[in-house]
Amino acid sequence: MNKVNSNLGIFLSPGDSFSSLKKSGQDSRFFNYYLSNYKEKFDQVYIFTYDQLKLSLPKSCFVLENKHNWHRFFYQFLIPFVHLSRVKNIDVFRVMQLTGVIPAIICRIFFKKPFIFTYGYDYYAFAKFKNQRIRPILLKGLEKIAFYFASGVIVTNKKNKLNLQSKYPRAKIFYVPNGVDTKKFKPEKAKKLLKGSGVNVLTVARLEKQKNLENLIKATALIKDKAKINLLFIGRGKLRSQLILLAKKKEVNLKIIDRVVHNKLSGYYQGADIFCLPSYKEGQPKALIEAMALGLPCLVGNYSGVEEFENKKEILKTGFNPEEIRANLLTLIENHRLRKKLGLKARKKAEQEFNIQKLLAKEIEILKNV
C-alpha cells in the first residue's frame, strides 16, 4: 500500500497516558508496533494523552498533552476544542477502546471527522462482574452512541463480532484480533529467568478478581507434590497482598513480579513449562496469544469467547473452581505428550492468525478507507 497524504489522530482511554503504559510494561509494544507502523503509512500521527509527559518521538509524530492537568472526566470533553487547530488537520481518528470514544464523537459531530474504535471486550458484562451499579448503565449508553457515530468498529473476539452484528446490523464491524511478534516471541531454550527445579507455571495478568488467581493458588495447594510447582504471576493489581498471604497460608510457591517491559517478557515465557489463565471473563487476552506463539501449553478458563481456540488441540480448557483447575493442571503436569502437542498447535495458530505485522496492515487498510 502506497503512502498517501493523510493524518491520523489517536485517542487513548480516559486517564491513559504513556506513564500508565510504562507502568504496565506496554509502552514498548505501543511504540515498537503500533506507532512504528502508523508513522510509515500516515504523513502525521497525533496522540492525545491525559498527562503532561513530554516524549521524544519521530518527526512525524506529535503528543498533545493535558497541559493544565484537568481531570480526565472533564478533559475528554474538552480535547477537541483545546487542540482545535490540530484536530482540524486530522483525517481519521483511531480510538484504542470504547471507553475513549467521547472526544472522537465530538469531533464527528462538530468537525465531520470519521473514527474507528476497538471493542475489545464486553464492557457491560465486565462492569457487572465487578458489582458496579452506575458504570454498566453508562457503558451501555456509550456503546449505543459510539456505534451510531463510528465509521467502523474493530473487534478482537469472534463471538463478540457475531453478537454485535446482530445488535447493530448497520455497523461496519471488522475482526482484527490482538497480535504478537512471532519472530521475537518464539520457542527457545529457557534463559532461567524462572528459578528452581520442578514445574514452572506462568500467569501474565492483572491481579484482579476477574483473573481467578485465588482459585489457581487453591488448586495448586490440592496437588500432592505442590512443593515441586512454582507459580509466577507477572502483573499489578489490588489483590497482590491477598494472593501472597493466601499462597503462604496454603504453602504454595508463589512469586509476583509487578512489571516486566514488554520486549523482555519472552524470556519469562521461555522459562515456563505451562501458561495458565483461568479467567472468568476475557476479551482476547494478549498474554495468551504471546504464550501460544512461544509454543507453551496453555490452561485457559472456559470464559465466553474461548471457543475460538480448539480444546485439547490448541489449548486445554478448564472450569473455574479449584478442583477443576487442579485436575486439568495435573493433566498437563503429568502428560508430557499432551503438553508438546498443545505447544506445537498453539505456535502454528499464532503464526497463521496472530502475526502482528499482518494484523496492523489490515487495521491501517481499514483506517485508510473509512
Protein backbone atom coordinates (compact mmCIF):
# COMPACT_ATOMS: atom_id res chain seq x y z
CA MET A 1 0.00 0.00 0.00
CA ASN A 2 1.45 3.35 -1.01
CA LYS A 3 1.74 6.18 1.45
CA VAL A 4 -0.87 8.86 0.85
CA ASN A 5 -1.32 12.34 2.24
CA SER A 6 -3.35 11.69 5.36
CA ASN A 7 -3.07 12.36 9.08
CA LEU A 8 -4.05 10.09 11.93
CA GLY A 9 -5.24 11.03 15.42
CA ILE A 10 -5.09 8.54 18.29
CA PHE A 11 -7.31 8.77 21.36
CA LEU A 12 -6.28 6.74 24.39
CA SER A 13 -8.80 5.74 27.05
CA PRO A 14 -9.67 8.38 29.71
CA GLY A 15 -6.80 8.64 32.14
CA ASP A 16 -4.44 6.64 29.94
CA SER A 17 -1.05 8.06 29.12
CA PHE A 18 2.46 6.93 28.29
CA SER A 19 3.15 6.97 32.02
CA SER A 20 0.41 4.40 32.64
CA LEU A 21 1.56 2.32 29.65
CA LYS A 22 5.07 2.34 31.08
CA LYS A 23 3.84 1.19 34.49
CA SER A 24 2.20 -1.83 32.90
CA GLY A 25 5.20 -2.52 30.65
CA GLN A 26 3.12 -1.97 27.50
CA ASP A 27 4.77 1.25 26.29
CA SER A 28 7.33 -0.62 24.17
CA ARG A 29 4.53 -2.60 22.48
CA PHE A 30 2.76 0.63 21.54
CA PHE A 31 5.91 2.32 20.20
CA ASN A 32 7.55 -0.67 18.50
CA TYR A 33 4.47 -1.95 16.71
CA TYR A 34 1.51 0.43 16.58
CA LEU A 35 3.31 3.77 16.30
CA SER A 36 6.07 2.30 14.14
CA ASN A 37 3.51 1.08 11.59
CA TYR A 38 1.25 4.14 11.77
CA LYS A 39 4.06 6.59 11.03
CA GLU A 40 5.02 4.64 7.91
CA LYS A 41 1.54 4.86 6.41
CA PHE A 42 0.37 8.30 7.56
CA ASP A 43 2.03 11.65 6.97
CA GLN A 44 1.48 12.77 10.55
CA VAL A 45 0.35 10.99 13.71
CA TYR A 46 -1.14 12.90 16.66
CA ILE A 47 -1.51 11.15 20.02
CA PHE A 48 -3.87 12.68 22.59
CA THR A 49 -2.78 11.83 26.12
CA TYR A 50 -4.20 12.58 29.55
CA ASP A 51 -0.97 13.57 31.28
CA GLN A 52 1.81 16.13 30.84
CA LEU A 53 4.64 13.79 29.92
CA LYS A 54 6.88 15.02 27.11
CA LEU A 55 8.41 12.39 24.84
CA SER A 56 10.98 12.26 22.10
CA LEU A 57 9.15 10.89 19.07
CA PRO A 58 9.87 10.64 15.32
CA LYS A 59 9.45 13.92 13.41
CA SER A 60 6.06 12.96 12.01
CA CYS A 61 4.60 12.05 15.43
CA PHE A 62 3.23 14.50 17.99
CA VAL A 63 1.99 14.13 21.57
CA LEU A 64 -0.84 16.50 22.52
CA GLU A 65 -0.77 16.58 26.29
CA ASN A 66 -3.09 17.69 29.06
CA LYS A 67 -1.12 20.88 29.80
CA HIS A 68 -3.39 22.12 32.59
CA ASN A 69 -3.72 18.70 34.24
CA TRP A 70 -7.50 18.82 34.07
CA HIS A 71 -9.45 15.90 35.48
CA ARG A 72 -9.76 13.13 32.91
CA PHE A 73 -13.56 13.11 33.03
CA PHE A 74 -13.83 16.77 32.00
CA TYR A 75 -10.76 16.75 29.79
CA GLN A 76 -12.17 14.12 27.39
CA PHE A 77 -14.97 16.58 26.51
CA LEU A 78 -12.51 19.47 26.10
CA ILE A 79 -9.83 17.76 23.98
CA PRO A 80 -11.32 18.63 20.56
CA PHE A 81 -11.55 22.32 21.44
CA VAL A 82 -8.28 22.65 23.38
CA HIS A 83 -6.43 21.18 20.39
CA LEU A 84 -8.73 22.59 17.71
CA SER A 85 -6.05 23.52 15.18
CA ARG A 86 -4.59 20.01 15.30
CA VAL A 87 -7.99 18.33 15.21
CA LYS A 88 -8.91 20.18 12.01
CA ASN A 89 -5.72 18.84 10.41
CA ILE A 90 -6.57 15.18 11.15
CA ASP A 91 -8.29 12.98 8.56
CA VAL A 92 -9.27 9.97 10.67
CA PHE A 93 -9.21 9.07 14.36
CA ARG A 94 -8.20 5.76 15.90
CA VAL A 95 -9.73 5.15 19.34
CA MET A 96 -7.96 2.40 21.26
CA GLN A 97 -11.00 1.28 23.32
CA LEU A 98 -14.72 2.03 23.58
CA THR A 99 -14.12 3.99 26.78
CA GLY A 100 -12.07 6.56 24.85
CA VAL A 101 -14.70 7.48 22.22
CA ILE A 102 -16.16 10.67 23.72
CA PRO A 103 -13.65 13.12 22.12
CA ALA A 104 -13.97 11.20 18.82
CA ILE A 105 -17.77 11.50 18.91
CA ILE A 106 -17.45 15.26 19.49
CA CYS A 107 -15.04 15.52 16.54
CA ARG A 108 -17.53 13.61 14.41
CA ILE A 109 -20.47 15.87 15.38
CA PHE A 110 -18.71 19.23 15.13
CA PHE A 111 -16.00 18.63 12.51
CA LYS A 112 -17.30 15.63 10.49
CA LYS A 113 -14.18 13.60 11.29
CA PRO A 114 -14.51 9.80 10.90
CA PHE A 115 -13.30 7.49 13.63
CA ILE A 116 -12.81 3.80 14.29
CA PHE A 117 -12.69 2.31 17.76
CA THR A 118 -11.80 -1.06 19.24
CA TYR A 119 -14.48 -3.03 21.04
CA GLY A 120 -12.04 -5.17 22.99
CA TYR A 121 -14.43 -7.00 25.30
CA ASP A 122 -17.96 -6.92 26.69
CA TYR A 123 -17.64 -3.73 28.74
CA TYR A 124 -21.14 -4.01 30.23
CA ALA A 125 -20.58 -7.60 31.40
CA PHE A 126 -17.17 -6.75 32.89
CA ALA A 127 -18.64 -3.85 34.86
CA LYS A 128 -21.49 -6.04 36.11
CA PHE A 129 -18.97 -8.68 37.17
CA LYS A 130 -17.26 -6.06 39.34
CA ASN A 131 -20.62 -5.33 41.01
CA GLN A 132 -20.60 -1.75 39.76
CA ARG A 133 -24.05 -0.17 39.65
CA ILE A 134 -23.87 3.02 37.61
CA ARG A 135 -20.98 2.19 35.27
CA PRO A 136 -22.77 -0.65 33.40
CA ILE A 137 -25.66 1.71 32.57
CA LEU A 138 -23.28 4.43 31.38
CA LEU A 139 -21.29 1.96 29.28
CA LYS A 140 -24.42 0.59 27.65
CA GLY A 141 -25.46 4.11 26.66
CA LEU A 142 -21.96 5.00 25.46
CA GLU A 143 -21.85 1.85 23.35
CA LYS A 144 -25.07 2.74 21.51
CA ILE A 145 -23.90 6.28 20.80
CA ALA A 146 -20.46 5.10 19.69
CA PHE A 147 -21.90 2.56 17.24
CA TYR A 148 -24.21 5.22 15.82
CA PHE A 149 -21.41 7.69 15.05
CA ALA A 150 -18.46 5.37 14.32
CA SER A 151 -17.29 4.79 10.77
CA GLY A 152 -16.12 1.32 11.77
CA VAL A 153 -15.55 -0.91 14.76
CA ILE A 154 -12.68 -3.33 15.33
CA VAL A 155 -13.40 -6.41 17.44
CA THR A 156 -10.75 -8.82 18.69
CA ASN A 157 -13.04 -11.74 19.51
CA LYS A 158 -15.13 -13.72 17.00
CA LYS A 159 -18.02 -14.25 19.40
CA ASN A 160 -18.18 -10.52 20.12
CA LYS A 161 -18.37 -9.86 16.39
CA LEU A 162 -21.38 -12.16 15.97
CA ASN A 163 -23.16 -10.63 18.97
CA LEU A 164 -22.52 -7.08 17.82
CA GLN A 165 -23.55 -7.76 14.23
CA SER A 166 -26.96 -8.95 15.40
CA LYS A 167 -27.23 -5.99 17.77
CA TYR A 168 -26.05 -3.33 15.30
CA PRO A 169 -26.76 -4.72 11.78
CA ARG A 170 -25.87 -1.43 10.05
CA ALA A 171 -22.46 -1.09 11.70
CA LYS A 172 -19.23 -1.86 9.84
CA ILE A 173 -17.56 -4.39 12.11
CA PHE A 174 -14.09 -5.79 11.39
CA TYR A 175 -12.47 -8.77 13.08
CA VAL A 176 -8.84 -7.88 13.84
CA PRO A 177 -7.55 -9.97 16.75
CA ASN A 178 -4.71 -8.98 19.04
CA GLY A 179 -1.36 -9.79 17.51
CA VAL A 180 2.07 -10.97 18.54
CA ASP A 181 5.53 -10.60 17.02
CA THR A 182 6.10 -14.25 16.10
CA LYS A 183 9.75 -13.57 15.26
CA LYS A 184 10.54 -12.33 18.77
CA PHE A 185 8.02 -14.44 20.68
CA LYS A 186 9.20 -17.86 19.59
CA PRO A 187 10.17 -21.12 21.31
CA GLU A 188 13.74 -21.19 22.56
CA LYS A 189 15.64 -22.77 25.40
CA ALA A 190 14.93 -21.15 28.75
CA LYS A 191 17.29 -18.45 29.92
CA LYS A 192 16.48 -19.47 33.52
CA LEU A 193 14.58 -16.32 34.34
CA LEU A 194 12.32 -18.68 36.27
CA LYS A 195 14.30 -20.11 39.13
CA GLY A 196 14.15 -23.52 40.72
CA SER A 197 13.52 -27.10 39.66
CA GLY A 198 10.13 -28.67 39.23
CA VAL A 199 7.29 -27.34 37.10
CA ASN A 200 7.13 -23.60 36.36
CA VAL A 201 3.58 -22.28 35.86
CA LEU A 202 3.37 -18.75 34.48
CA THR A 203 0.48 -16.27 34.51
CA VAL A 204 0.72 -12.80 32.96
CA ALA A 205 -2.34 -10.84 34.08
CA ARG A 206 -3.71 -8.05 36.22
CA LEU A 207 -4.07 -9.20 39.82
CA GLU A 208 -7.84 -8.76 39.90
CA LYS A 209 -10.85 -10.93 40.76
CA GLN A 210 -11.69 -11.43 37.07
CA LYS A 211 -8.47 -13.39 36.52
CA ASN A 212 -9.41 -16.07 39.11
CA LEU A 213 -5.89 -16.29 40.52
CA GLU A 214 -7.03 -17.15 44.04
CA ASN A 215 -8.50 -20.39 42.75
CA LEU A 216 -5.30 -21.15 40.86
CA ILE A 217 -3.39 -20.95 44.15
CA LYS A 218 -6.02 -23.10 45.89
CA ALA A 219 -5.88 -25.60 43.02
CA THR A 220 -2.10 -25.87 43.32
CA ALA A 221 -2.45 -26.46 47.05
CA LEU A 222 -4.62 -29.52 46.30
CA ILE A 223 -1.83 -31.21 44.32
CA LYS A 224 0.14 -33.80 46.30
CA ASP A 225 3.53 -32.67 45.02
CA LYS A 226 2.74 -28.96 45.29
CA ALA A 227 6.26 -28.28 46.56
CA LYS A 228 7.52 -29.07 43.05
CA ILE A 229 5.26 -26.47 41.43
CA ASN A 230 6.42 -22.86 41.11
CA LEU A 231 3.81 -20.22 40.33
CA LEU A 232 4.91 -16.92 38.82
CA PHE A 233 2.43 -14.08 38.37
CA ILE A 234 3.55 -11.08 36.30
CA GLY A 235 1.23 -8.13 36.79
CA ARG A 236 -0.07 -5.46 39.11
CA GLY A 237 -3.39 -5.19 40.88
CA LYS A 238 -5.47 -4.82 44.03
CA LEU A 239 -5.17 -8.48 45.06
CA ARG A 240 -1.37 -8.58 45.30
CA SER A 241 -1.11 -8.74 49.11
CA GLN A 242 -4.12 -11.04 49.37
CA LEU A 243 -2.62 -13.51 46.88
CA ILE A 244 0.74 -13.54 48.69
CA LEU A 245 -0.97 -14.24 52.02
CA LEU A 246 -3.11 -16.99 50.52
CA ALA A 247 -0.09 -18.71 48.96
CA LYS A 248 1.77 -18.54 52.26
CA LYS A 249 -1.20 -20.00 54.13
CA LYS A 250 -1.60 -22.83 51.58
CA GLU A 251 2.19 -23.42 51.42
CA VAL A 252 2.29 -22.80 47.69
CA ASN A 253 5.42 -21.49 45.95
CA LEU A 254 4.45 -18.11 44.52
CA LYS A 255 6.47 -15.22 43.14
CA ILE A 256 4.94 -11.99 41.87
CA ILE A 257 6.72 -9.54 39.57
CA ASP A 258 4.86 -6.25 39.22
CA ARG A 259 6.18 -5.19 35.86
CA VAL A 260 8.27 -6.56 33.01
CA VAL A 261 8.99 -4.45 29.93
CA HIS A 262 7.09 -6.00 27.03
CA ASN A 263 10.16 -6.78 24.93
CA LYS A 264 11.67 -8.68 27.92
CA LEU A 265 8.61 -10.84 28.53
CA SER A 266 9.58 -13.59 26.09
CA GLY A 267 12.37 -14.76 28.40
CA TYR A 268 9.85 -15.48 31.17
CA TYR A 269 7.56 -17.36 28.81
CA GLN A 270 10.53 -19.40 27.56
CA GLY A 271 11.39 -20.37 31.13
CA ALA A 272 7.88 -21.65 31.85
CA ASP A 273 6.55 -25.18 31.41
CA ILE A 274 2.86 -24.24 31.45
CA PHE A 275 0.93 -21.00 30.93
CA CYS A 276 -2.24 -20.67 32.97
CA LEU A 277 -5.02 -18.09 32.61
CA PRO A 278 -8.13 -19.37 34.47
CA SER A 279 -10.10 -16.13 33.98
CA TYR A 280 -13.85 -15.83 34.44
CA LYS A 281 -14.04 -13.24 31.65
CA GLU A 282 -11.77 -12.09 28.83
CA GLY A 283 -11.86 -10.29 25.52
CA GLN A 284 -8.97 -11.76 23.61
CA PRO A 285 -6.03 -11.79 26.03
CA LYS A 286 -2.70 -10.67 24.56
CA ALA A 287 -0.82 -12.75 27.12
CA LEU A 288 -2.50 -15.93 25.87
CA ILE A 289 -1.55 -15.14 22.26
CA GLU A 290 2.05 -14.49 23.34
CA ALA A 291 2.20 -17.78 25.27
CA MET A 292 0.83 -19.65 22.25
CA ALA A 293 3.41 -18.02 19.98
CA LEU A 294 6.14 -19.32 22.28
CA GLY A 295 4.77 -22.84 22.00
CA LEU A 296 3.62 -23.10 25.60
CA PRO A 297 0.83 -25.49 26.59
CA CYS A 298 -1.94 -23.18 27.83
CA LEU A 299 -4.53 -23.92 30.51
CA VAL A 300 -7.36 -21.44 29.98
CA GLY A 301 -10.60 -20.68 31.83
CA ASN A 302 -13.79 -21.61 29.98
CA TYR A 303 -14.87 -17.98 29.53
CA SER A 304 -17.33 -16.81 26.89
CA GLY A 305 -15.31 -16.39 23.69
CA VAL A 306 -12.65 -19.02 24.34
CA GLU A 307 -14.43 -21.18 21.75
CA GLU A 308 -12.22 -19.70 19.01
CA PHE A 309 -9.41 -21.88 20.37
CA GLU A 310 -9.78 -25.63 19.85
CA ASN A 311 -9.91 -27.51 23.15
CA LYS A 312 -7.34 -30.29 23.64
CA LYS A 313 -5.66 -29.31 20.37
CA GLU A 314 -4.61 -25.65 20.71
CA ILE A 315 -5.34 -25.09 24.41
CA LEU A 316 -6.72 -27.02 27.37
CA LYS A 317 -9.88 -25.50 28.81
CA THR A 318 -10.74 -25.68 32.49
CA GLY A 319 -13.65 -24.86 34.74
CA PHE A 320 -13.24 -22.13 37.30
CA ASN A 321 -13.28 -23.84 40.70
CA PRO A 322 -10.12 -25.13 42.42
CA GLU A 323 -10.95 -28.81 41.90
CA GLU A 324 -11.43 -28.36 38.12
CA ILE A 325 -8.27 -26.28 37.77
CA ARG A 326 -6.33 -28.83 39.84
CA ALA A 327 -7.46 -31.76 37.66
CA ASN A 328 -6.54 -30.02 34.40
CA LEU A 329 -3.28 -28.58 35.70
CA LEU A 330 -2.29 -32.05 36.91
CA THR A 331 -3.13 -33.44 33.46
CA LEU A 332 -0.66 -31.04 31.87
CA ILE A 333 2.00 -31.66 34.51
CA GLU A 334 1.84 -35.43 34.08
CA ASN A 335 1.14 -35.71 30.34
CA HIS A 336 4.29 -34.55 28.53
CA ARG A 337 2.97 -35.73 25.18
CA LEU A 338 -0.15 -33.55 25.51
CA ARG A 339 1.97 -30.56 26.52
CA LYS A 340 4.13 -30.95 23.43
CA LYS A 341 1.10 -31.41 21.16
CA LEU A 342 -0.66 -28.32 22.54
CA GLY A 343 2.51 -26.25 22.26
CA LEU A 344 3.10 -27.16 18.61
CA LYS A 345 -0.52 -26.48 17.62
CA ALA A 346 -0.55 -23.22 19.57
CA ARG A 347 2.57 -21.97 17.83
CA LYS A 348 1.13 -22.86 14.43
CA LYS A 349 -2.10 -20.97 15.15
CA ALA A 350 -0.18 -17.90 16.34
CA GLU A 351 1.89 -17.88 13.15
CA GLN A 352 -1.15 -18.29 10.90
CA GLU A 353 -3.68 -16.00 12.61
CA PHE A 354 -1.97 -13.63 15.05
CA ASN A 355 1.04 -12.17 13.24
CA ILE A 356 1.02 -8.58 14.49
CA GLN A 357 2.54 -7.05 11.33
CA LYS A 358 -0.14 -8.59 9.10
CA LEU A 359 -2.90 -7.58 11.51
CA LEU A 360 -1.67 -3.98 11.73
CA ALA A 361 -1.53 -3.82 7.94
CA LYS A 362 -5.17 -4.90 7.90
CA GLU A 363 -6.08 -2.28 10.51
CA ILE A 364 -4.32 0.50 8.58
CA GLU A 365 -6.14 -0.55 5.41
CA ILE A 366 -9.42 -0.10 7.30
CA LEU A 367 -8.35 3.33 8.59
CA LYS A 368 -7.37 4.42 5.10
CA ASN A 369 -10.73 3.50 3.61
CA VAL A 370 -13.32 4.88 6.02
